[in-house]
Amino acid sequence: APHHPHLPHLALLAGEALAIRARMSADGRLRTSGLIRIDADCRDFSSSIDLLGKLALLGFEAFSTEEELKGRLLGRPSATALRPEDFDHLSNDLRLLAKMLEGAFEQRPSGVNILLYGAPGTGKTEFAKVLAQTIGAPLFLIGEADNQGGEPNRGERIGELSLSQMLLGAGTGS
């Protein structure tokens, strides 16, 4: 059979296509991490893939360690000057939540969720920071702003949460 100069490239592309398809699948790490979203109903392929804003901000930066990349994506843990005494009216709740979270750090369940409900400006974020400091755990604020500093949409918040869960996943020691 005559040698066709494009066949090796086609074979390589076919192999790459399979790898790309696996990575872009609904249960692949790129999508479950929230790094990319694919709108299957979109007719224009170029606008059907959406990168998580934080990833786009990284551009072509080079990172020498995984920790350096994590730090760039997650930012620094949040801190507060407030103390548990500043939330005396919630002292029973603070003790209960601290005990529950300490147990979670020991047991490492697949997830623990705490809902802090209240009007904007009532101190929910500062309470969460005090709670984290009380148990000696880092607290990373997720989905507070989009790339332009505005209010992120639901998809952006979910994408950041998924990415953060992957980066700080159970069993990593983070």
Protein backbone atom coordinates (compact mmCIF):
# COMPACT_ATOMS: atom_id res chain seq x y z
CA ALA A 1 0.00 0.00 0.00
CA PRO A 2 1.31 3.47 -0.83
CA HIS A 3 2.37 5.61 2.13
CA HIS A 4 0.07 8.55 2.72
CA PRO A 5 1.86 11.49 4.40
CA HIS A 6 -1.25 12.56 6.39
CA LEU A 7 -2.12 9.20 7.94
CA PRO A 8 0.19 9.50 11.00
CA HIS A 9 -1.30 12.92 11.74
CA LEU A 10 -4.83 11.59 11.38
CA ALA A 11 -4.06 8.72 13.73
CA LEU A 12 -2.56 11.13 16.24
CA LEU A 13 -5.56 13.42 15.97
CA ALA A 14 -7.94 10.50 16.41
CA GLY A 15 -6.08 9.46 19.56
CA GLU A 16 -6.10 13.03 20.83
CA ALA A 17 -9.79 13.33 20.04
CA LEU A 18 -10.51 10.29 22.22
CA ALA A 19 -8.44 11.74 25.05
CA ILE A 20 -10.12 15.13 24.69
CA ARG A 21 -13.58 13.52 24.59
CA ALA A 22 -12.79 11.59 27.80
CA ARG A 23 -11.54 14.72 29.54
CA MET A 24 -14.53 16.77 28.39
CA SER A 25 -17.11 14.13 29.33
CA ALA A 26 -19.76 15.05 31.89
CA ASP A 27 -18.00 13.02 34.58
CA GLY A 28 -14.47 14.04 33.50
CA ARG A 29 -12.31 16.06 35.87
CA LEU A 30 -12.39 19.25 33.79
CA ARG A 31 -16.18 19.50 34.04
CA THR A 32 -16.68 18.10 37.54
CA SER A 33 -14.03 20.52 38.81
CA GLY A 34 -15.98 23.47 37.43
CA LEU A 35 -13.04 24.60 35.29
CA ILE A 36 -15.15 24.37 32.15
CA ARG A 37 -18.84 24.26 31.35
CA ILE A 38 -20.31 23.03 28.09
CA ASP A 39 -23.67 24.19 26.82
CA ALA A 40 -24.87 21.14 24.89
CA ASP A 41 -27.81 23.06 23.41
CA CYS A 42 -25.62 25.77 21.88
CA ARG A 43 -25.46 25.63 18.08
CA ASP A 44 -22.16 27.53 17.81
CA PHE A 45 -19.37 25.31 19.18
CA SER A 46 -17.04 28.28 19.78
CA SER A 47 -19.46 29.76 22.32
CA SER A 48 -20.59 26.46 23.84
CA ILE A 49 -17.50 26.08 26.07
CA ASP A 50 -17.14 28.44 29.02
CA LEU A 51 -13.94 28.62 31.12
CA LEU A 52 -14.14 29.39 34.81
CA GLY A 53 -13.13 33.03 35.11
CA LYS A 54 -10.30 32.32 37.54
CA LEU A 55 -8.71 29.96 35.06
CA ALA A 56 -8.84 32.57 32.31
CA LEU A 57 -7.11 35.07 34.61
CA LEU A 58 -4.14 32.73 35.03
CA GLY A 59 -3.33 33.07 31.35
CA PHE A 60 -0.04 31.38 30.65
CA GLU A 61 1.55 31.77 34.09
CA ALA A 62 4.05 29.09 35.05
CA PHE A 63 3.85 27.43 38.45
CA SER A 64 6.73 25.49 39.95
CA THR A 65 4.62 23.57 42.47
CA GLU A 66 1.06 22.35 42.85
CA GLU A 67 0.81 24.38 46.08
CA GLU A 68 1.71 27.55 44.17
CA LEU A 69 -1.09 26.88 41.67
CA LYS A 70 -3.57 26.09 44.47
CA GLY A 71 -2.62 29.31 46.21
CA ARG A 72 -3.18 31.33 43.04
CA LEU A 73 -6.59 29.75 42.43
CA LEU A 74 -7.82 29.76 46.03
CA GLY A 75 -6.23 32.93 47.34
CA ARG A 76 -5.22 33.28 50.96
CA PRO A 77 -7.32 31.96 53.82
CA SER A 78 -9.59 34.64 55.25
CA ALA A 79 -9.02 36.09 58.69
CA THR A 80 -10.83 38.48 60.97
CA ALA A 81 -10.00 40.72 63.91
CA LEU A 82 -13.25 39.68 65.57
CA ARG A 83 -13.29 37.16 68.41
CA PRO A 84 -15.87 34.70 69.76
CA GLU A 85 -16.83 37.28 72.43
CA ASP A 86 -18.08 39.52 69.63
CA PHE A 87 -20.76 36.92 68.97
CA ASP A 88 -21.88 36.36 72.58
CA HIS A 89 -25.49 36.19 71.43
CA LEU A 90 -24.49 33.16 69.30
CA SER A 91 -22.11 31.54 71.81
CA ASN A 92 -24.14 28.31 72.09
CA ASP A 93 -24.32 28.01 68.30
CA LEU A 94 -20.60 28.74 67.98
CA ARG A 95 -19.70 26.02 70.51
CA LEU A 96 -22.01 23.47 68.84
CA LEU A 97 -20.71 24.23 65.33
CA ALA A 98 -17.08 24.18 66.50
CA LYS A 99 -17.59 20.77 68.10
CA MET A 100 -19.32 19.45 64.98
CA LEU A 101 -16.57 20.70 62.66
CA GLU A 102 -13.79 19.37 64.88
CA GLY A 103 -15.48 15.96 64.70
CA ALA A 104 -15.70 16.30 60.93
CA PHE A 105 -11.97 17.00 60.69
CA GLU A 106 -11.30 13.82 62.65
CA GLN A 107 -13.83 11.60 60.83
CA ARG A 108 -13.37 13.07 57.33
CA PRO A 109 -16.93 12.50 56.07
CA SER A 110 -17.64 13.19 52.40
CA GLY A 111 -19.28 16.50 53.26
CA VAL A 112 -20.50 18.77 56.03
CA ASN A 113 -22.79 21.67 55.22
CA ILE A 114 -23.69 24.61 57.43
CA LEU A 115 -26.21 27.20 56.31
CA LEU A 116 -25.82 30.66 57.81
CA TYR A 117 -28.99 32.53 56.98
CA GLY A 118 -29.65 36.23 57.39
CA ALA A 119 -29.93 39.56 55.67
CA PRO A 120 -26.84 41.08 54.02
CA GLY A 121 -24.62 42.89 56.50
CA THR A 122 -25.64 40.92 59.60
CA GLY A 123 -22.22 39.30 60.09
CA LYS A 124 -22.57 35.84 58.54
CA THR A 125 -19.16 35.92 56.86
CA GLU A 126 -17.42 37.31 59.95
CA PHE A 127 -19.12 34.64 62.09
CA ALA A 128 -17.82 31.97 59.68
CA LYS A 129 -14.30 33.44 59.98
CA VAL A 130 -14.49 33.40 63.79
CA LEU A 131 -15.75 29.81 63.67
CA ALA A 132 -12.83 28.77 61.45
CA GLN A 133 -10.31 30.54 63.71
CA THR A 134 -11.88 28.90 66.77
CA ILE A 135 -11.11 25.43 65.43
CA GLY A 136 -7.82 26.42 63.75
CA ALA A 137 -8.99 25.73 60.20
CA PRO A 138 -8.30 27.83 57.10
CA LEU A 139 -11.37 29.47 55.56
CA PHE A 140 -11.46 30.28 51.86
CA LEU A 141 -14.20 32.59 50.60
CA ILE A 142 -15.70 31.25 47.38
CA GLY A 143 -17.73 33.01 44.69
CA GLU A 144 -17.71 36.49 46.19
CA ALA A 145 -16.97 38.34 42.95
CA ASP A 146 -16.56 37.67 39.25
CA ASN A 147 -13.45 38.67 37.24
CA GLN A 148 -14.58 42.29 37.07
CA GLY A 149 -15.35 42.49 40.81
CA GLY A 150 -19.11 42.32 40.26
CA GLU A 151 -21.72 39.91 41.53
CA PRO A 152 -20.99 36.42 40.14
CA ASN A 153 -23.81 34.49 38.51
CA ARG A 154 -25.01 31.12 39.75
CA GLY A 155 -22.87 29.17 37.26
CA GLU A 156 -19.72 31.07 38.26
CA ARG A 157 -20.36 30.40 41.95
CA ILE A 158 -20.99 26.71 41.38
CA GLY A 159 -17.88 26.50 39.18
CA GLU A 160 -15.71 28.10 41.87
CA LEU A 161 -17.19 25.84 44.54
CA SER A 162 -16.52 22.72 42.46
CA LEU A 163 -12.95 23.81 41.75
CA SER A 164 -12.31 24.61 45.40
CA GLN A 165 -13.71 21.26 46.50
CA MET A 166 -11.39 19.52 44.06
CA LEU A 167 -8.34 21.52 45.20
CA LEU A 168 -9.14 21.12 48.91
CA GLY A 169 -10.78 17.69 48.59
CA ALA A 170 -11.11 15.24 51.45
CA GLY A 171 -7.96 13.30 52.16
CA THR A 172 -5.58 15.96 50.88
CA GLY A 173 -4.73 17.18 54.34
CA SER A 174 -5.73 20.74 53.40
